[in-house]
């Protein structure tokens, strides 16, 4: 079970609460990877790369959404 935020709006400890909620799952991933033969270093590097790829994907999706919004606005404006 993953703990939800203590409140929906922003609060001072929200990032720490998120980290604490994620900790058991993170440890489970690490343990599973070690169990099947990956090293801790390999696993942590792979997680960092996955985070980087996710960040790039989110930025590209936002850029594409912006371009689509502009194109839709131009079409509505008759351009």
PDB file of N, CA and C in Angstrom:
ATOM      1  N   UNK A   1       0.847  -1.184   0.000  1.00  0.00           N
ATOM      2  CA  UNK A   1       0.000   0.000   0.000  1.00  0.00           C
ATOM      3  C   UNK A   1       0.888   1.241   0.000  1.00  0.00           C
ATOM      4  N   UNK A   2       0.615   2.146  -0.897  1.00  0.00           N
ATOM      5  CA  UNK A   2       1.364   3.396  -0.977  1.00  0.00           C
ATOM      6  C   UNK A   2       0.572   4.478  -0.255  1.00  0.00           C
ATOM      7  N   UNK A   3       1.245   5.168   0.650  1.00  0.00           N
ATOM      8  CA  UNK A   3       0.583   6.238   1.393  1.00  0.00           C
ATOM      9  C   UNK A   3       0.333   7.442   0.485  1.00  0.00           C
ATOM     10  N   UNK A   4      -0.867   8.007   0.530  1.00  0.00           N
ATOM     11  CA  UNK A   4      -1.158   9.214  -0.252  1.00  0.00           C
ATOM     12  C   UNK A   4      -0.602  10.443   0.466  1.00  0.00           C
ATOM     13  N   UNK A   5      -0.602  11.604  -0.211  1.00  0.00           N
ATOM     14  CA  UNK A   5      -0.188  12.829   0.474  1.00  0.00           C
ATOM     15  C   UNK A   5      -1.109  13.099   1.661  1.00  0.00           C
ATOM     16  N   UNK A   6      -0.576  13.760   2.674  1.00  0.00           N
ATOM     17  CA  UNK A   6      -1.368  14.062   3.872  1.00  0.00           C
ATOM     18  C   UNK A   6      -2.457  15.083   3.577  1.00  0.00           C
ATOM     19  N   UNK A   7      -2.233  15.923   2.554  1.00  0.00           N
ATOM     20  CA  UNK A   7      -3.263  16.859   2.084  1.00  0.00           C
ATOM     21  C   UNK A   7      -3.038  17.082   0.598  1.00  0.00           C
ATOM     22  N   UNK A   8      -4.080  17.456  -0.115  1.00  0.00           N
ATOM     23  CA  UNK A   8      -3.984  17.585  -1.557  1.00  0.00           C
ATOM     24  C   UNK A   8      -3.198  18.816  -2.006  1.00  0.00           C
ATOM     25  N   UNK A   9      -3.322  19.905  -1.263  1.00  0.00           N
ATOM     26  CA  UNK A   9      -2.578  21.107  -1.639  1.00  0.00           C
ATOM     27  C   UNK A   9      -1.125  20.974  -1.192  1.00  0.00           C
ATOM     28  N   UNK A  10      -0.282  21.862  -1.704  1.00  0.00           N
ATOM     29  CA  UNK A  10       1.137  21.835  -1.377  1.00  0.00           C
ATOM     30  C   UNK A  10       1.357  22.105   0.113  1.00  0.00           C
ATOM     31  N   UNK A  11       2.350  21.455   0.689  1.00  0.00           N
ATOM     32  CA  UNK A  11       2.743  21.702   2.079  1.00  0.00           C
ATOM     33  C   UNK A  11       4.237  21.425   2.201  1.00  0.00           C
ATOM     34  N   UNK A  12       4.849  21.926   3.253  1.00  0.00           N
ATOM     35  CA  UNK A  12       6.308  21.927   3.388  1.00  0.00           C
ATOM     36  C   UNK A  12       6.947  20.541   3.261  1.00  0.00           C
ATOM     37  N   UNK A  13       6.363  19.532   3.862  1.00  0.00           N
ATOM     38  CA  UNK A  13       6.970  18.199   3.875  1.00  0.00           C
ATOM     39  C   UNK A  13       6.469  17.284   2.762  1.00  0.00           C
ATOM     40  N   UNK A  14       5.727  17.805   1.805  1.00  0.00           N
ATOM     41  CA  UNK A  14       5.170  16.960   0.748  1.00  0.00           C
ATOM     42  C   UNK A  14       6.249  16.181  -0.019  1.00  0.00           C
ATOM     43  N   UNK A  15       7.366  16.818  -0.447  1.00  0.00           N
ATOM     44  CA  UNK A  15       8.403  16.031  -1.140  1.00  0.00           C
ATOM     45  C   UNK A  15       8.970  14.903  -0.271  1.00  0.00           C
ATOM     46  N   UNK A  16       9.187  15.170   1.000  1.00  0.00           N
ATOM     47  CA  UNK A  16       9.694  14.147   1.917  1.00  0.00           C
ATOM     48  C   UNK A  16       8.662  13.033   2.100  1.00  0.00           C
ATOM     49  N   UNK A  17       7.393  13.402   2.227  1.00  0.00           N
ATOM     50  CA  UNK A  17       6.332  12.398   2.363  1.00  0.00           C
ATOM     51  C   UNK A  17       6.262  11.516   1.113  1.00  0.00           C
ATOM     52  N   UNK A  18       6.440  12.122  -0.052  1.00  0.00           N
ATOM     53  CA  UNK A  18       6.440  11.355  -1.304  1.00  0.00           C
ATOM     54  C   UNK A  18       7.599  10.360  -1.315  1.00  0.00           C
ATOM     55  N   UNK A  19       8.773  10.845  -0.913  1.00  0.00           N
ATOM     56  CA  UNK A  19       9.950   9.982  -0.852  1.00  0.00           C
ATOM     57  C   UNK A  19       9.719   8.811   0.104  1.00  0.00           C
ATOM     58  N   UNK A  20       9.161   9.094   1.255  1.00  0.00           N
ATOM     59  CA  UNK A  20       8.888   8.034   2.233  1.00  0.00           C
ATOM     60  C   UNK A  20       7.854   7.043   1.705  1.00  0.00           C
ATOM     61  N   UNK A  21       6.863   7.533   0.980  1.00  0.00           N
ATOM     62  CA  UNK A  21       5.844   6.648   0.410  1.00  0.00           C
ATOM     63  C   UNK A  21       6.450   5.735  -0.660  1.00  0.00           C
ATOM     64  N   UNK A  22       7.454   6.246  -1.358  1.00  0.00           N
ATOM     65  CA  UNK A  22       8.082   5.505  -2.443  1.00  0.00           C
ATOM     66  C   UNK A  22       9.147   4.513  -1.960  1.00  0.00           C
ATOM     67  N   UNK A  23       9.681   4.737  -0.779  1.00  0.00           N
ATOM     68  CA  UNK A  23      10.805   3.950  -0.267  1.00  0.00           C
ATOM     69  C   UNK A  23      10.586   2.437  -0.296  1.00  0.00           C
ATOM     70  N   UNK A  24       9.455   1.901   0.183  1.00  0.00           N
ATOM     71  CA  UNK A  24       9.302   0.434   0.147  1.00  0.00           C
ATOM     72  C   UNK A  24       9.337  -0.140  -1.276  1.00  0.00           C
ATOM     73  N   UNK A  25       8.704   0.538  -2.208  1.00  0.00           N
ATOM     74  CA  UNK A  25       8.717   0.070  -3.596  1.00  0.00           C
ATOM     75  C   UNK A  25      10.104   0.151  -4.205  1.00  0.00           C
ATOM     76  N   UNK A  26      10.812   1.229  -3.890  1.00  0.00           N
ATOM     77  CA  UNK A  26      12.179   1.399  -4.362  1.00  0.00           C
ATOM     78  C   UNK A  26      13.058   0.261  -3.842  1.00  0.00           C
ATOM     79  N   UNK A  27      12.968  -0.025  -2.547  1.00  0.00           N
ATOM     80  CA  UNK A  27      13.758  -1.111  -1.971  1.00  0.00           C
ATOM     81  C   UNK A  27      13.383  -2.456  -2.587  1.00  0.00           C
ATOM     82  N   UNK A  28      12.100  -2.638  -2.892  1.00  0.00           N
ATOM     83  CA  UNK A  28      11.662  -3.892  -3.515  1.00  0.00           C
ATOM     84  C   UNK A  28      12.285  -4.049  -4.899  1.00  0.00           C
ATOM     85  N   UNK A  29      12.350  -2.960  -5.671  1.00  0.00           N
ATOM     86  CA  UNK A  29      12.979  -3.011  -6.996  1.00  0.00           C
ATOM     87  C   UNK A  29      14.454  -3.377  -6.847  1.00  0.00           C
ATOM     88  N   UNK A  30      15.149  -2.677  -5.945  1.00  0.00           N
ATOM     89  CA  UNK A  30      16.566  -2.954  -5.726  1.00  0.00           C
ATOM     90  C   UNK A  30      16.767  -4.421  -5.330  1.00  0.00           C
ATOM     91  N   UNK A  31      15.990  -4.897  -4.378  1.00  0.00           N
ATOM     92  CA  UNK A  31      16.122  -6.280  -3.920  1.00  0.00           C
ATOM     93  C   UNK A  31      15.879  -7.283  -5.048  1.00  0.00           C
ATOM     94  N   UNK A  32      14.860  -7.055  -5.843  1.00  0.00           N
ATOM     95  CA  UNK A  32      14.548  -7.960  -6.959  1.00  0.00           C
ATOM     96  C   UNK A  32      15.683  -7.982  -7.979  1.00  0.00           C
ATOM     97  N   UNK A  33      16.228  -6.814  -8.278  1.00  0.00           N
ATOM     98  CA  UNK A  33      17.320  -6.744  -9.250  1.00  0.00           C
ATOM     99  C   UNK A  33      18.566  -7.465  -8.736  1.00  0.00           C
ATOM    100  N   UNK A  34      18.891  -7.266  -7.450  1.00  0.00           N
ATOM    101  CA  UNK A  34      20.046  -7.944  -6.852  1.00  0.00           C
ATOM    102  C   UNK A  34      19.841  -9.459  -6.837  1.00  0.00           C
ATOM    103  N   UNK A  35      18.603  -9.846  -6.557  1.00  0.00           N
ATOM    104  CA  UNK A  35      18.270 -11.268  -6.466  1.00  0.00           C
ATOM    105  C   UNK A  35      18.509 -12.009  -7.772  1.00  0.00           C
ATOM    106  N   UNK A  36      18.276 -11.336  -8.906  1.00  0.00           N
ATOM    107  CA  UNK A  36      18.443 -12.008 -10.199  1.00  0.00           C
ATOM    108  C   UNK A  36      19.817 -11.794 -10.816  1.00  0.00           C
ATOM    109  N   UNK A  37      20.702 -11.063 -10.095  1.00  0.00           N
ATOM    110  CA  UNK A  37      22.075 -10.993 -10.564  1.00  0.00           C
ATOM    111  C   UNK A  37      22.602  -9.636 -10.984  1.00  0.00           C
ATOM    112  N   UNK A  38      21.760  -8.600 -11.006  1.00  0.00           N
ATOM    113  CA  UNK A  38      22.253  -7.260 -11.319  1.00  0.00           C
ATOM    114  C   UNK A  38      22.936  -6.687 -10.085  1.00  0.00           C
ATOM    115  N   UNK A  39      23.938  -5.842 -10.310  1.00  0.00           N
ATOM    116  CA  UNK A  39      24.591  -5.209  -9.164  1.00  0.00           C
ATOM    117  C   UNK A  39      23.803  -3.973  -8.748  1.00  0.00           C
ATOM    118  N   UNK A  40      24.081  -3.508  -7.534  1.00  0.00           N
ATOM    119  CA  UNK A  40      23.422  -2.299  -7.043  1.00  0.00           C
ATOM    120  C   UNK A  40      23.774  -1.108  -7.934  1.00  0.00           C
ATOM    121  N   UNK A  41      25.041  -0.992  -8.321  1.00  0.00           N
ATOM    122  CA  UNK A  41      25.468   0.106  -9.188  1.00  0.00           C
ATOM    123  C   UNK A  41      24.755   0.088 -10.534  1.00  0.00           C
ATOM    124  N   UNK A  42      24.663  -1.089 -11.154  1.00  0.00           N
ATOM    125  CA  UNK A  42      23.958  -1.214 -12.435  1.00  0.00           C
ATOM    126  C   UNK A  42      22.496  -0.799 -12.287  1.00  0.00           C
ATOM    127  N   UNK A  43      21.895  -1.254 -11.215  1.00  0.00           N
ATOM    128  CA  UNK A  43      20.483  -0.963 -10.979  1.00  0.00           C
ATOM    129  C   UNK A  43      20.263   0.528 -10.776  1.00  0.00           C
ATOM    130  N   UNK A  44      21.093   1.160  -9.970  1.00  0.00           N
ATOM    131  CA  UNK A  44      20.937   2.597  -9.718  1.00  0.00           C
ATOM    132  C   UNK A  44      21.194   3.413 -10.985  1.00  0.00           C
ATOM    133  N   UNK A  45      22.200   3.016 -11.783  1.00  0.00           N
ATOM    134  CA  UNK A  45      22.456   3.728 -13.051  1.00  0.00           C
ATOM    135  C   UNK A  45      21.273   3.574 -14.003  1.00  0.00           C
ATOM    136  N   UNK A  46      20.705   2.370 -14.052  1.00  0.00           N
ATOM    137  CA  UNK A  46      19.547   2.145 -14.930  1.00  0.00           C
ATOM    138  C   UNK A  46      18.354   2.983 -14.469  1.00  0.00           C
ATOM    139  N   UNK A  47      18.138   3.070 -13.169  1.00  0.00           N
ATOM    140  CA  UNK A  47      17.040   3.906 -12.654  1.00  0.00           C
ATOM    141  C   UNK A  47      17.261   5.369 -13.001  1.00  0.00           C
ATOM    142  N   UNK A  48      18.492   5.849 -12.890  1.00  0.00           N
ATOM    143  CA  UNK A  48      18.794   7.239 -13.253  1.00  0.00           C
ATOM    144  C   UNK A  48      18.507   7.481 -14.727  1.00  0.00           C
ATOM    145  N   UNK A  49      18.889   6.512 -15.581  1.00  0.00           N
ATOM    146  CA  UNK A  49      18.614   6.666 -17.019  1.00  0.00           C
ATOM    147  C   UNK A  49      17.118   6.647 -17.290  1.00  0.00           C
ATOM    148  N   UNK A  50      16.382   5.788 -16.600  1.00  0.00           N
ATOM    149  CA  UNK A  50      14.927   5.756 -16.772  1.00  0.00           C
ATOM    150  C   UNK A  50      14.298   7.085 -16.378  1.00  0.00           C
ATOM    151  N   UNK A  51      14.779   7.686 -15.300  1.00  0.00           N
ATOM    152  CA  UNK A  51      14.271   8.990 -14.865  1.00  0.00           C
ATOM    153  C   UNK A  51      14.588  10.046 -15.912  1.00  0.00           C
ATOM    154  N   UNK A  52      15.814  10.017 -16.454  1.00  0.00           N
ATOM    155  CA  UNK A  52      16.203  10.993 -17.480  1.00  0.00           C
ATOM    156  C   UNK A  52      15.338  10.845 -18.734  1.00  0.00           C
ATOM    157  N   UNK A  53      15.102   9.604 -19.152  1.00  0.00           N
ATOM    158  CA  UNK A  53      14.261   9.368 -20.329  1.00  0.00           C
ATOM    159  C   UNK A  53      12.836   9.843 -20.078  1.00  0.00           C
ATOM    160  N   UNK A  54      12.321   9.577 -18.889  1.00  0.00           N
ATOM    161  CA  UNK A  54      10.972  10.032 -18.559  1.00  0.00           C
ATOM    162  C   UNK A  54      10.896  11.561 -18.589  1.00  0.00           C
ATOM    163  N   UNK A  55      11.913  12.232 -18.048  1.00  0.00           N
ATOM    164  CA  UNK A  55      11.934  13.699 -18.077  1.00  0.00           C
ATOM    165  C   UNK A  55      11.946  14.224 -19.508  1.00  0.00           C
ATOM    166  N   UNK A  56      12.766  13.621 -20.366  1.00  0.00           N
ATOM    167  CA  UNK A  56      12.818  14.051 -21.769  1.00  0.00           C
ATOM    168  C   UNK A  56      11.476  13.812 -22.449  1.00  0.00           C
ATOM    169  N   UNK A  57      10.865  12.674 -22.165  1.00  0.00           N
ATOM    170  CA  UNK A  57       9.568  12.348 -22.766  1.00  0.00           C
ATOM    171  C   UNK A  57       8.510  13.356 -22.336  1.00  0.00           C
ATOM    172  N   UNK A  58       8.485  13.703 -21.053  1.00  0.00           N
ATOM    173  CA  UNK A  58       7.513  14.678 -20.553  1.00  0.00           C
ATOM    174  C   UNK A  58       7.714  16.044 -21.204  1.00  0.00           C
ATOM    175  N   UNK A  59       8.974  16.468 -21.361  1.00  0.00           N
ATOM    176  CA  UNK A  59       9.257  17.750 -22.005  1.00  0.00           C
ATOM    177  C   UNK A  59       8.830  17.734 -23.467  1.00  0.00           C
ATOM    178  N   UNK A  60       9.114  16.642 -24.157  1.00  0.00           N
ATOM    179  CA  UNK A  60       8.732  16.531 -25.565  1.00  0.00           C
ATOM    180  C   UNK A  60       7.210  16.509 -25.702  1.00  0.00           C
ATOM    181  N   UNK A  61       6.525  15.795 -24.822  1.00  0.00           N
ATOM    182  CA  UNK A  61       5.063  15.770 -24.861  1.00  0.00           C
ATOM    183  C   UNK A  61       4.485  17.165 -24.628  1.00  0.00           C
ATOM    184  N   UNK A  62       5.053  17.912 -23.684  1.00  0.00           N
ATOM    185  CA  UNK A  62       4.575  19.269 -23.417  1.00  0.00           C
ATOM    186  C   UNK A  62       4.819  20.167 -24.622  1.00  0.00           C
ATOM    187  N   UNK A  63       5.987  20.021 -25.250  1.00  0.00           N
ATOM    188  CA  UNK A  63       6.295  20.821 -26.448  1.00  0.00           C
ATOM    189  C   UNK A  63       5.305  20.501 -27.570  1.00  0.00           C
ATOM    190  N   UNK A  64       5.020  19.216 -27.742  1.00  0.00           N
ATOM    191  CA  UNK A  64       4.087  18.797 -28.790  1.00  0.00           C
ATOM    192  C   UNK A  64       2.677  19.295 -28.506  1.00  0.00           C
ATOM    193  N   UNK A  65       2.246  19.243 -27.255  1.00  0.00           N
ATOM    194  CA  UNK A  65       0.926  19.751 -26.878  1.00  0.00           C
ATOM    195  C   UNK A  65       0.824  21.248 -27.161  1.00  0.00           C
ATOM    196  N   UNK A  66       1.896  21.983 -26.890  1.00  0.00           N
ATOM    197  CA  UNK A  66       1.910  23.417 -27.174  1.00  0.00           C
ATOM    198  C   UNK A  66       1.781  23.667 -28.669  1.00  0.00           C
ATOM    199  N   UNK A  67       2.534  22.923 -29.466  1.00  0.00           N
ATOM    200  CA  UNK A  67       2.458  23.077 -30.920  1.00  0.00           C
ATOM    201  C   UNK A  67       1.064  22.742 -31.442  1.00  0.00           C
ATOM    202  N   UNK A  68       0.457  21.697 -30.892  1.00  0.00           N
ATOM    203  CA  UNK A  68      -0.899  21.334 -31.312  1.00  0.00           C
ATOM    204  C   UNK A  68      -1.903  22.415 -30.930  1.00  0.00           C
ATOM    205  N   UNK A  69      -1.762  22.988 -29.754  1.00  0.00           N
ATOM    206  CA  UNK A  69      -2.666  24.050 -29.317  1.00  0.00           C
ATOM    207  C   UNK A  69      -2.537  25.265 -30.231  1.00  0.00           C
ATOM    208  N   UNK A  70      -1.319  25.604 -30.613  1.00  0.00           N
ATOM    209  CA  UNK A  70      -1.098  26.732 -31.518  1.00  0.00           C
ATOM    210  C   UNK A  70      -1.724  26.431 -32.870  1.00  0.00           C
ATOM    211  N   UNK A  71      -1.514  25.224 -33.384  1.00  0.00           N
ATOM    212  CA  UNK A  71      -2.082  24.852 -34.684  1.00  0.00           C
ATOM    213  C   UNK A  71      -3.605  24.891 -34.648  1.00  0.00           C
ATOM    214  N   UNK A  72      -4.199  24.395 -33.566  1.00  0.00           N
ATOM    215  CA  UNK A  72      -5.667  24.433 -33.444  1.00  0.00           C
ATOM    216  C   UNK A  72      -6.177  25.869 -33.391  1.00  0.00           C
ATOM    217  N   UNK A  73      -5.473  26.713 -32.667  1.00  0.00           N
ATOM    218  CA  UNK A  73      -5.881  28.115 -32.575  1.00  0.00           C
ATOM    219  C   UNK A  73      -5.791  28.793 -33.935  1.00  0.00           C
ATOM    220  N   UNK A  74      -4.753  28.483 -34.677  1.00  0.00           N
ATOM    221  CA  UNK A  74      -4.589  29.066 -36.010  1.00  0.00           C
ATOM    222  C   UNK A  74      -5.710  28.594 -36.948  1.00  0.00           C
ATOM    223  N   UNK A  75      -6.068  27.329 -36.842  1.00  0.00           N
ATOM    224  CA  UNK A  75      -7.161  26.784 -37.674  1.00  0.00           C
ATOM    225  C   UNK A  75      -8.475  27.474 -37.321  1.00  0.00           C
ATOM    226  N   UNK A  76      -8.719  27.646 -36.013  1.00  0.00           N
ATOM    227  CA  UNK A  76      -9.952  28.327 -35.594  1.00  0.00           C
ATOM    228  C   UNK A  76      -9.958  29.784 -36.057  1.00  0.00           C
ATOM    229  N   UNK A  77      -8.795  30.379 -36.116  1.00  0.00           N
ATOM    230  CA  UNK A  77      -8.705  31.776 -36.541  1.00  0.00           C
ATOM    231  C   UNK A  77      -8.748  31.924 -38.064  1.00  0.00           C
ATOM    232  N   UNK A  78      -8.770  30.780 -38.755  1.00  0.00           N
ATOM    233  CA  UNK A  78      -8.888  30.805 -40.205  1.00  0.00           C
ATOM    234  C   UNK A  78      -7.563  30.990 -40.938  1.00  0.00           C
ATOM    235  N   UNK A  79      -6.499  30.628 -40.328  1.00  0.00           N
ATOM    236  CA  UNK A  79      -5.184  30.784 -40.970  1.00  0.00           C
ATOM    237  C   UNK A  79      -4.770  29.514 -41.620  1.00  0.00           C
TER     238      UNK A  79
END
